[in-house]
Amino acid sequence: QVQLVESGGGLVQPGGSLRLSCAASGSIPSINRMGWYRQAPGKERESVALIFRTGNTDYADSVKGRFTISRDNAKNTIYLQMNSLRPEDTAVYYCNAFIASYFANYWGQGTHVTVSS
């Protein structure tokens, strides 16, 4: 089992920045991949940024060059630094952890990000 707690969402103007955090607890060594997903009103949930156990990362095309995913292993926390935010980035952002041996996905409660002037 893995528990995920997100923080850092809020309201920001276009062009601004936010940093999301996700603290994990539980079966940390079993996690193969963590990441951020988002779901905008009326749309399906989509992958935003992933970080693998190896340290490799992967980004959605729409956020490349603007968002950066990172982790602090000592704190069991991942981050999503979001720069040059656009109104279309408005969504609920969810932290995710994937354990391959169980083929199980774990989700945080979500944090709202609103980009508006």
C-alpha atoms as a PDB file:
ATOM      1  CA  GLN A   1       0.000   0.000   0.000  1.00  0.00           C
ATOM      2  CA  VAL A   2       1.086   3.540  -0.747  1.00  0.00           C
ATOM      3  CA  GLN A   3      -0.408   6.745   0.586  1.00  0.00           C
ATOM      4  CA  LEU A   4       0.055  10.009  -1.297  1.00  0.00           C
ATOM      5  CA  VAL A   5      -0.601  13.535  -0.046  1.00  0.00           C
ATOM      6  CA  GLU A   6      -0.422  16.461  -2.441  1.00  0.00           C
ATOM      7  CA  SER A   7      -0.031  20.150  -1.727  1.00  0.00           C
ATOM      8  CA  GLY A   8       0.787  23.379  -3.504  1.00  0.00           C
ATOM      9  CA  GLY A   9      -2.150  24.083  -5.781  1.00  0.00           C
ATOM     10  CA  GLY A  10      -3.871  27.420  -6.056  1.00  0.00           C
ATOM     11  CA  LEU A  11      -4.756  30.365  -8.250  1.00  0.00           C
ATOM     12  CA  VAL A  12      -2.077  31.940 -10.414  1.00  0.00           C
ATOM     13  CA  GLN A  13      -2.045  34.413 -13.269  1.00  0.00           C
ATOM     14  CA  PRO A  14      -1.017  33.385 -16.783  1.00  0.00           C
ATOM     15  CA  GLY A  15       2.756  33.308 -17.039  1.00  0.00           C
ATOM     16  CA  GLY A  16       3.131  32.596 -13.344  1.00  0.00           C
ATOM     17  CA  SER A  17       4.613  29.636 -11.496  1.00  0.00           C
ATOM     18  CA  LEU A  18       3.530  27.059  -8.944  1.00  0.00           C
ATOM     19  CA  ARG A  19       5.217  24.097  -7.319  1.00  0.00           C
ATOM     20  CA  LEU A  20       3.272  21.003  -6.386  1.00  0.00           C
ATOM     21  CA  SER A  21       4.488  18.512  -3.812  1.00  0.00           C
ATOM     22  CA  CYS A  22       3.523  14.903  -3.219  1.00  0.00           C
ATOM     23  CA  ALA A  23       4.644  13.082  -0.092  1.00  0.00           C
ATOM     24  CA  ALA A  24       4.548   9.300  -0.219  1.00  0.00           C
ATOM     25  CA  SER A  25       4.378   6.803   2.607  1.00  0.00           C
ATOM     26  CA  GLY A  26       4.001   3.039   2.832  1.00  0.00           C
ATOM     27  CA  SER A  27       5.704   0.576   0.478  1.00  0.00           C
ATOM     28  CA  ILE A  28       8.181   3.093  -0.929  1.00  0.00           C
ATOM     29  CA  PRO A  29      10.839   0.605  -2.144  1.00  0.00           C
ATOM     30  CA  SER A  30       8.225  -1.166  -4.284  1.00  0.00           C
ATOM     31  CA  ILE A  31       7.363   1.915  -6.312  1.00  0.00           C
ATOM     32  CA  ASN A  32       8.554   1.716  -9.915  1.00  0.00           C
ATOM     33  CA  ARG A  33       7.288   5.063 -11.090  1.00  0.00           C
ATOM     34  CA  MET A  34       5.693   8.219  -9.728  1.00  0.00           C
ATOM     35  CA  GLY A  35       4.146  11.063 -11.563  1.00  0.00           C
ATOM     36  CA  TRP A  36       1.606  13.779 -12.001  1.00  0.00           C
ATOM     37  CA  TYR A  37      -1.637  13.539 -13.902  1.00  0.00           C
ATOM     38  CA  ARG A  38      -4.303  16.161 -14.419  1.00  0.00           C
ATOM     39  CA  GLN A  39      -7.967  16.293 -15.248  1.00  0.00           C
ATOM     40  CA  ALA A  40      -9.644  19.397 -16.599  1.00  0.00           C
ATOM     41  CA  PRO A  41     -13.433  19.858 -16.466  1.00  0.00           C
ATOM     42  CA  GLY A  42     -15.106  17.728 -19.094  1.00  0.00           C
ATOM     43  CA  LYS A  43     -11.867  16.017 -20.104  1.00  0.00           C
ATOM     44  CA  GLU A  44     -10.177  12.717 -19.392  1.00  0.00           C
ATOM     45  CA  ARG A  45      -7.304  12.410 -16.953  1.00  0.00           C
ATOM     46  CA  GLU A  46      -3.972  12.757 -18.725  1.00  0.00           C
ATOM     47  CA  SER A  47      -0.357  12.147 -17.862  1.00  0.00           C
ATOM     48  CA  VAL A  48       1.667  15.300 -17.286  1.00  0.00           C
ATOM     49  CA  ALA A  49       5.073  14.195 -16.005  1.00  0.00           C
ATOM     50  CA  LEU A  50       6.567  10.905 -14.840  1.00  0.00           C
ATOM     51  CA  ILE A  51       9.725  10.010 -12.955  1.00  0.00           C
ATOM     52  CA  PHE A  52      10.982   6.447 -12.920  1.00  0.00           C
ATOM     53  CA  ARG A  53      12.971   4.591 -10.293  1.00  0.00           C
ATOM     54  CA  THR A  54      16.001   5.024 -12.555  1.00  0.00           C
ATOM     55  CA  GLY A  55      15.568   8.783 -12.456  1.00  0.00           C
ATOM     56  CA  ASN A  56      14.439   9.010 -16.048  1.00  0.00           C
ATOM     57  CA  THR A  57      11.620  11.410 -16.712  1.00  0.00           C
ATOM     58  CA  ASP A  58       8.890  11.760 -19.291  1.00  0.00           C
ATOM     59  CA  TYR A  59       6.683  14.738 -20.104  1.00  0.00           C
ATOM     60  CA  ALA A  60       3.550  15.417 -22.051  1.00  0.00           C
ATOM     61  CA  ASP A  61       4.303  17.463 -25.151  1.00  0.00           C
ATOM     62  CA  SER A  62       2.081  20.262 -23.895  1.00  0.00           C
ATOM     63  CA  VAL A  63       4.283  20.889 -20.835  1.00  0.00           C
ATOM     64  CA  LYS A  64       7.788  20.193 -22.151  1.00  0.00           C
ATOM     65  CA  GLY A  65      10.107  23.081 -21.417  1.00  0.00           C
ATOM     66  CA  ARG A  66       7.704  24.563 -18.864  1.00  0.00           C
ATOM     67  CA  PHE A  67       7.247  21.870 -16.204  1.00  0.00           C
ATOM     68  CA  THR A  68       9.922  19.954 -14.312  1.00  0.00           C
ATOM     69  CA  ILE A  69       9.390  16.851 -12.209  1.00  0.00           C
ATOM     70  CA  SER A  70      11.897  16.044  -9.488  1.00  0.00           C
ATOM     71  CA  ARG A  71      12.178  14.013  -6.318  1.00  0.00           C
ATOM     72  CA  ASP A  72      13.786  14.079  -2.920  1.00  0.00           C
ATOM     73  CA  ASN A  73      14.430  10.485  -1.905  1.00  0.00           C
ATOM     74  CA  ALA A  74      15.237  11.439   1.678  1.00  0.00           C
ATOM     75  CA  LYS A  75      11.784  12.972   2.060  1.00  0.00           C
ATOM     76  CA  ASN A  76       9.928  10.429  -0.128  1.00  0.00           C
ATOM     77  CA  THR A  77       8.538  13.397  -2.006  1.00  0.00           C
ATOM     78  CA  ILE A  78       8.172  14.344  -5.627  1.00  0.00           C
ATOM     79  CA  TYR A  79       7.657  17.829  -6.970  1.00  0.00           C
ATOM     80  CA  LEU A  80       6.239  19.427 -10.069  1.00  0.00           C
ATOM     81  CA  GLN A  81       7.653  22.854 -10.820  1.00  0.00           C
ATOM     82  CA  MET A  82       5.280  24.578 -13.224  1.00  0.00           C
ATOM     83  CA  ASN A  83       6.455  27.714 -15.011  1.00  0.00           C
ATOM     84  CA  SER A  84       4.917  29.857 -17.735  1.00  0.00           C
ATOM     85  CA  LEU A  85       1.489  28.627 -16.761  1.00  0.00           C
ATOM     86  CA  ARG A  86      -1.351  28.953 -19.238  1.00  0.00           C
ATOM     87  CA  PRO A  87      -5.120  28.962 -18.761  1.00  0.00           C
ATOM     88  CA  GLU A  88      -5.239  25.540 -20.412  1.00  0.00           C
ATOM     89  CA  ASP A  89      -3.150  24.170 -17.528  1.00  0.00           C
ATOM     90  CA  THR A  90      -6.148  24.664 -15.262  1.00  0.00           C
ATOM     91  CA  ALA A  91      -7.096  21.278 -13.830  1.00  0.00           C
ATOM     92  CA  VAL A  92      -7.085  19.068 -10.785  1.00  0.00           C
ATOM     93  CA  TYR A  93      -3.593  17.620 -10.494  1.00  0.00           C
ATOM     94  CA  TYR A  94      -3.179  14.134  -9.068  1.00  0.00           C
ATOM     95  CA  CYS A  95      -0.075  12.437  -7.769  1.00  0.00           C
ATOM     96  CA  ASN A  96       0.351   8.816  -8.824  1.00  0.00           C
ATOM     97  CA  ALA A  97       2.520   5.908  -7.750  1.00  0.00           C
ATOM     98  CA  PHE A  98       2.758   2.689  -9.736  1.00  0.00           C
ATOM     99  CA  ILE A  99       3.938  -0.658  -8.388  1.00  0.00           C
ATOM    100  CA  ALA A 100       4.618  -3.070 -11.239  1.00  0.00           C
ATOM    101  CA  SER A 101       4.720  -6.249  -9.165  1.00  0.00           C
ATOM    102  CA  TYR A 102       1.129  -5.672  -8.067  1.00  0.00           C
ATOM    103  CA  PHE A 103       0.166  -3.859 -11.253  1.00  0.00           C
ATOM    104  CA  ALA A 104      -1.339  -1.322  -8.892  1.00  0.00           C
ATOM    105  CA  ASN A 105      -1.839   2.421  -9.181  1.00  0.00           C
ATOM    106  CA  TYR A 106      -2.195   4.636  -6.142  1.00  0.00           C
ATOM    107  CA  TRP A 107      -3.591   8.154  -6.256  1.00  0.00           C
ATOM    108  CA  GLY A 108      -3.548  11.226  -4.109  1.00  0.00           C
ATOM    109  CA  GLN A 109      -6.636  13.267  -3.344  1.00  0.00           C
ATOM    110  CA  GLY A 110      -5.865  15.877  -5.999  1.00  0.00           C
ATOM    111  CA  THR A 111      -5.002  19.542  -5.804  1.00  0.00           C
ATOM    112  CA  HIS A 112      -6.636  22.312  -7.825  1.00  0.00           C
ATOM    113  CA  VAL A 113      -4.590  24.533 -10.103  1.00  0.00           C
ATOM    114  CA  THR A 114      -6.359  27.503 -11.657  1.00  0.00           C
ATOM    115  CA  VAL A 115      -4.606  29.757 -14.142  1.00  0.00           C
ATOM    116  CA  SER A 116      -6.606  32.902 -14.689  1.00  0.00           C
ATOM    117  CA  SER A 117      -6.237  36.660 -14.780  1.00  0.00           C
END
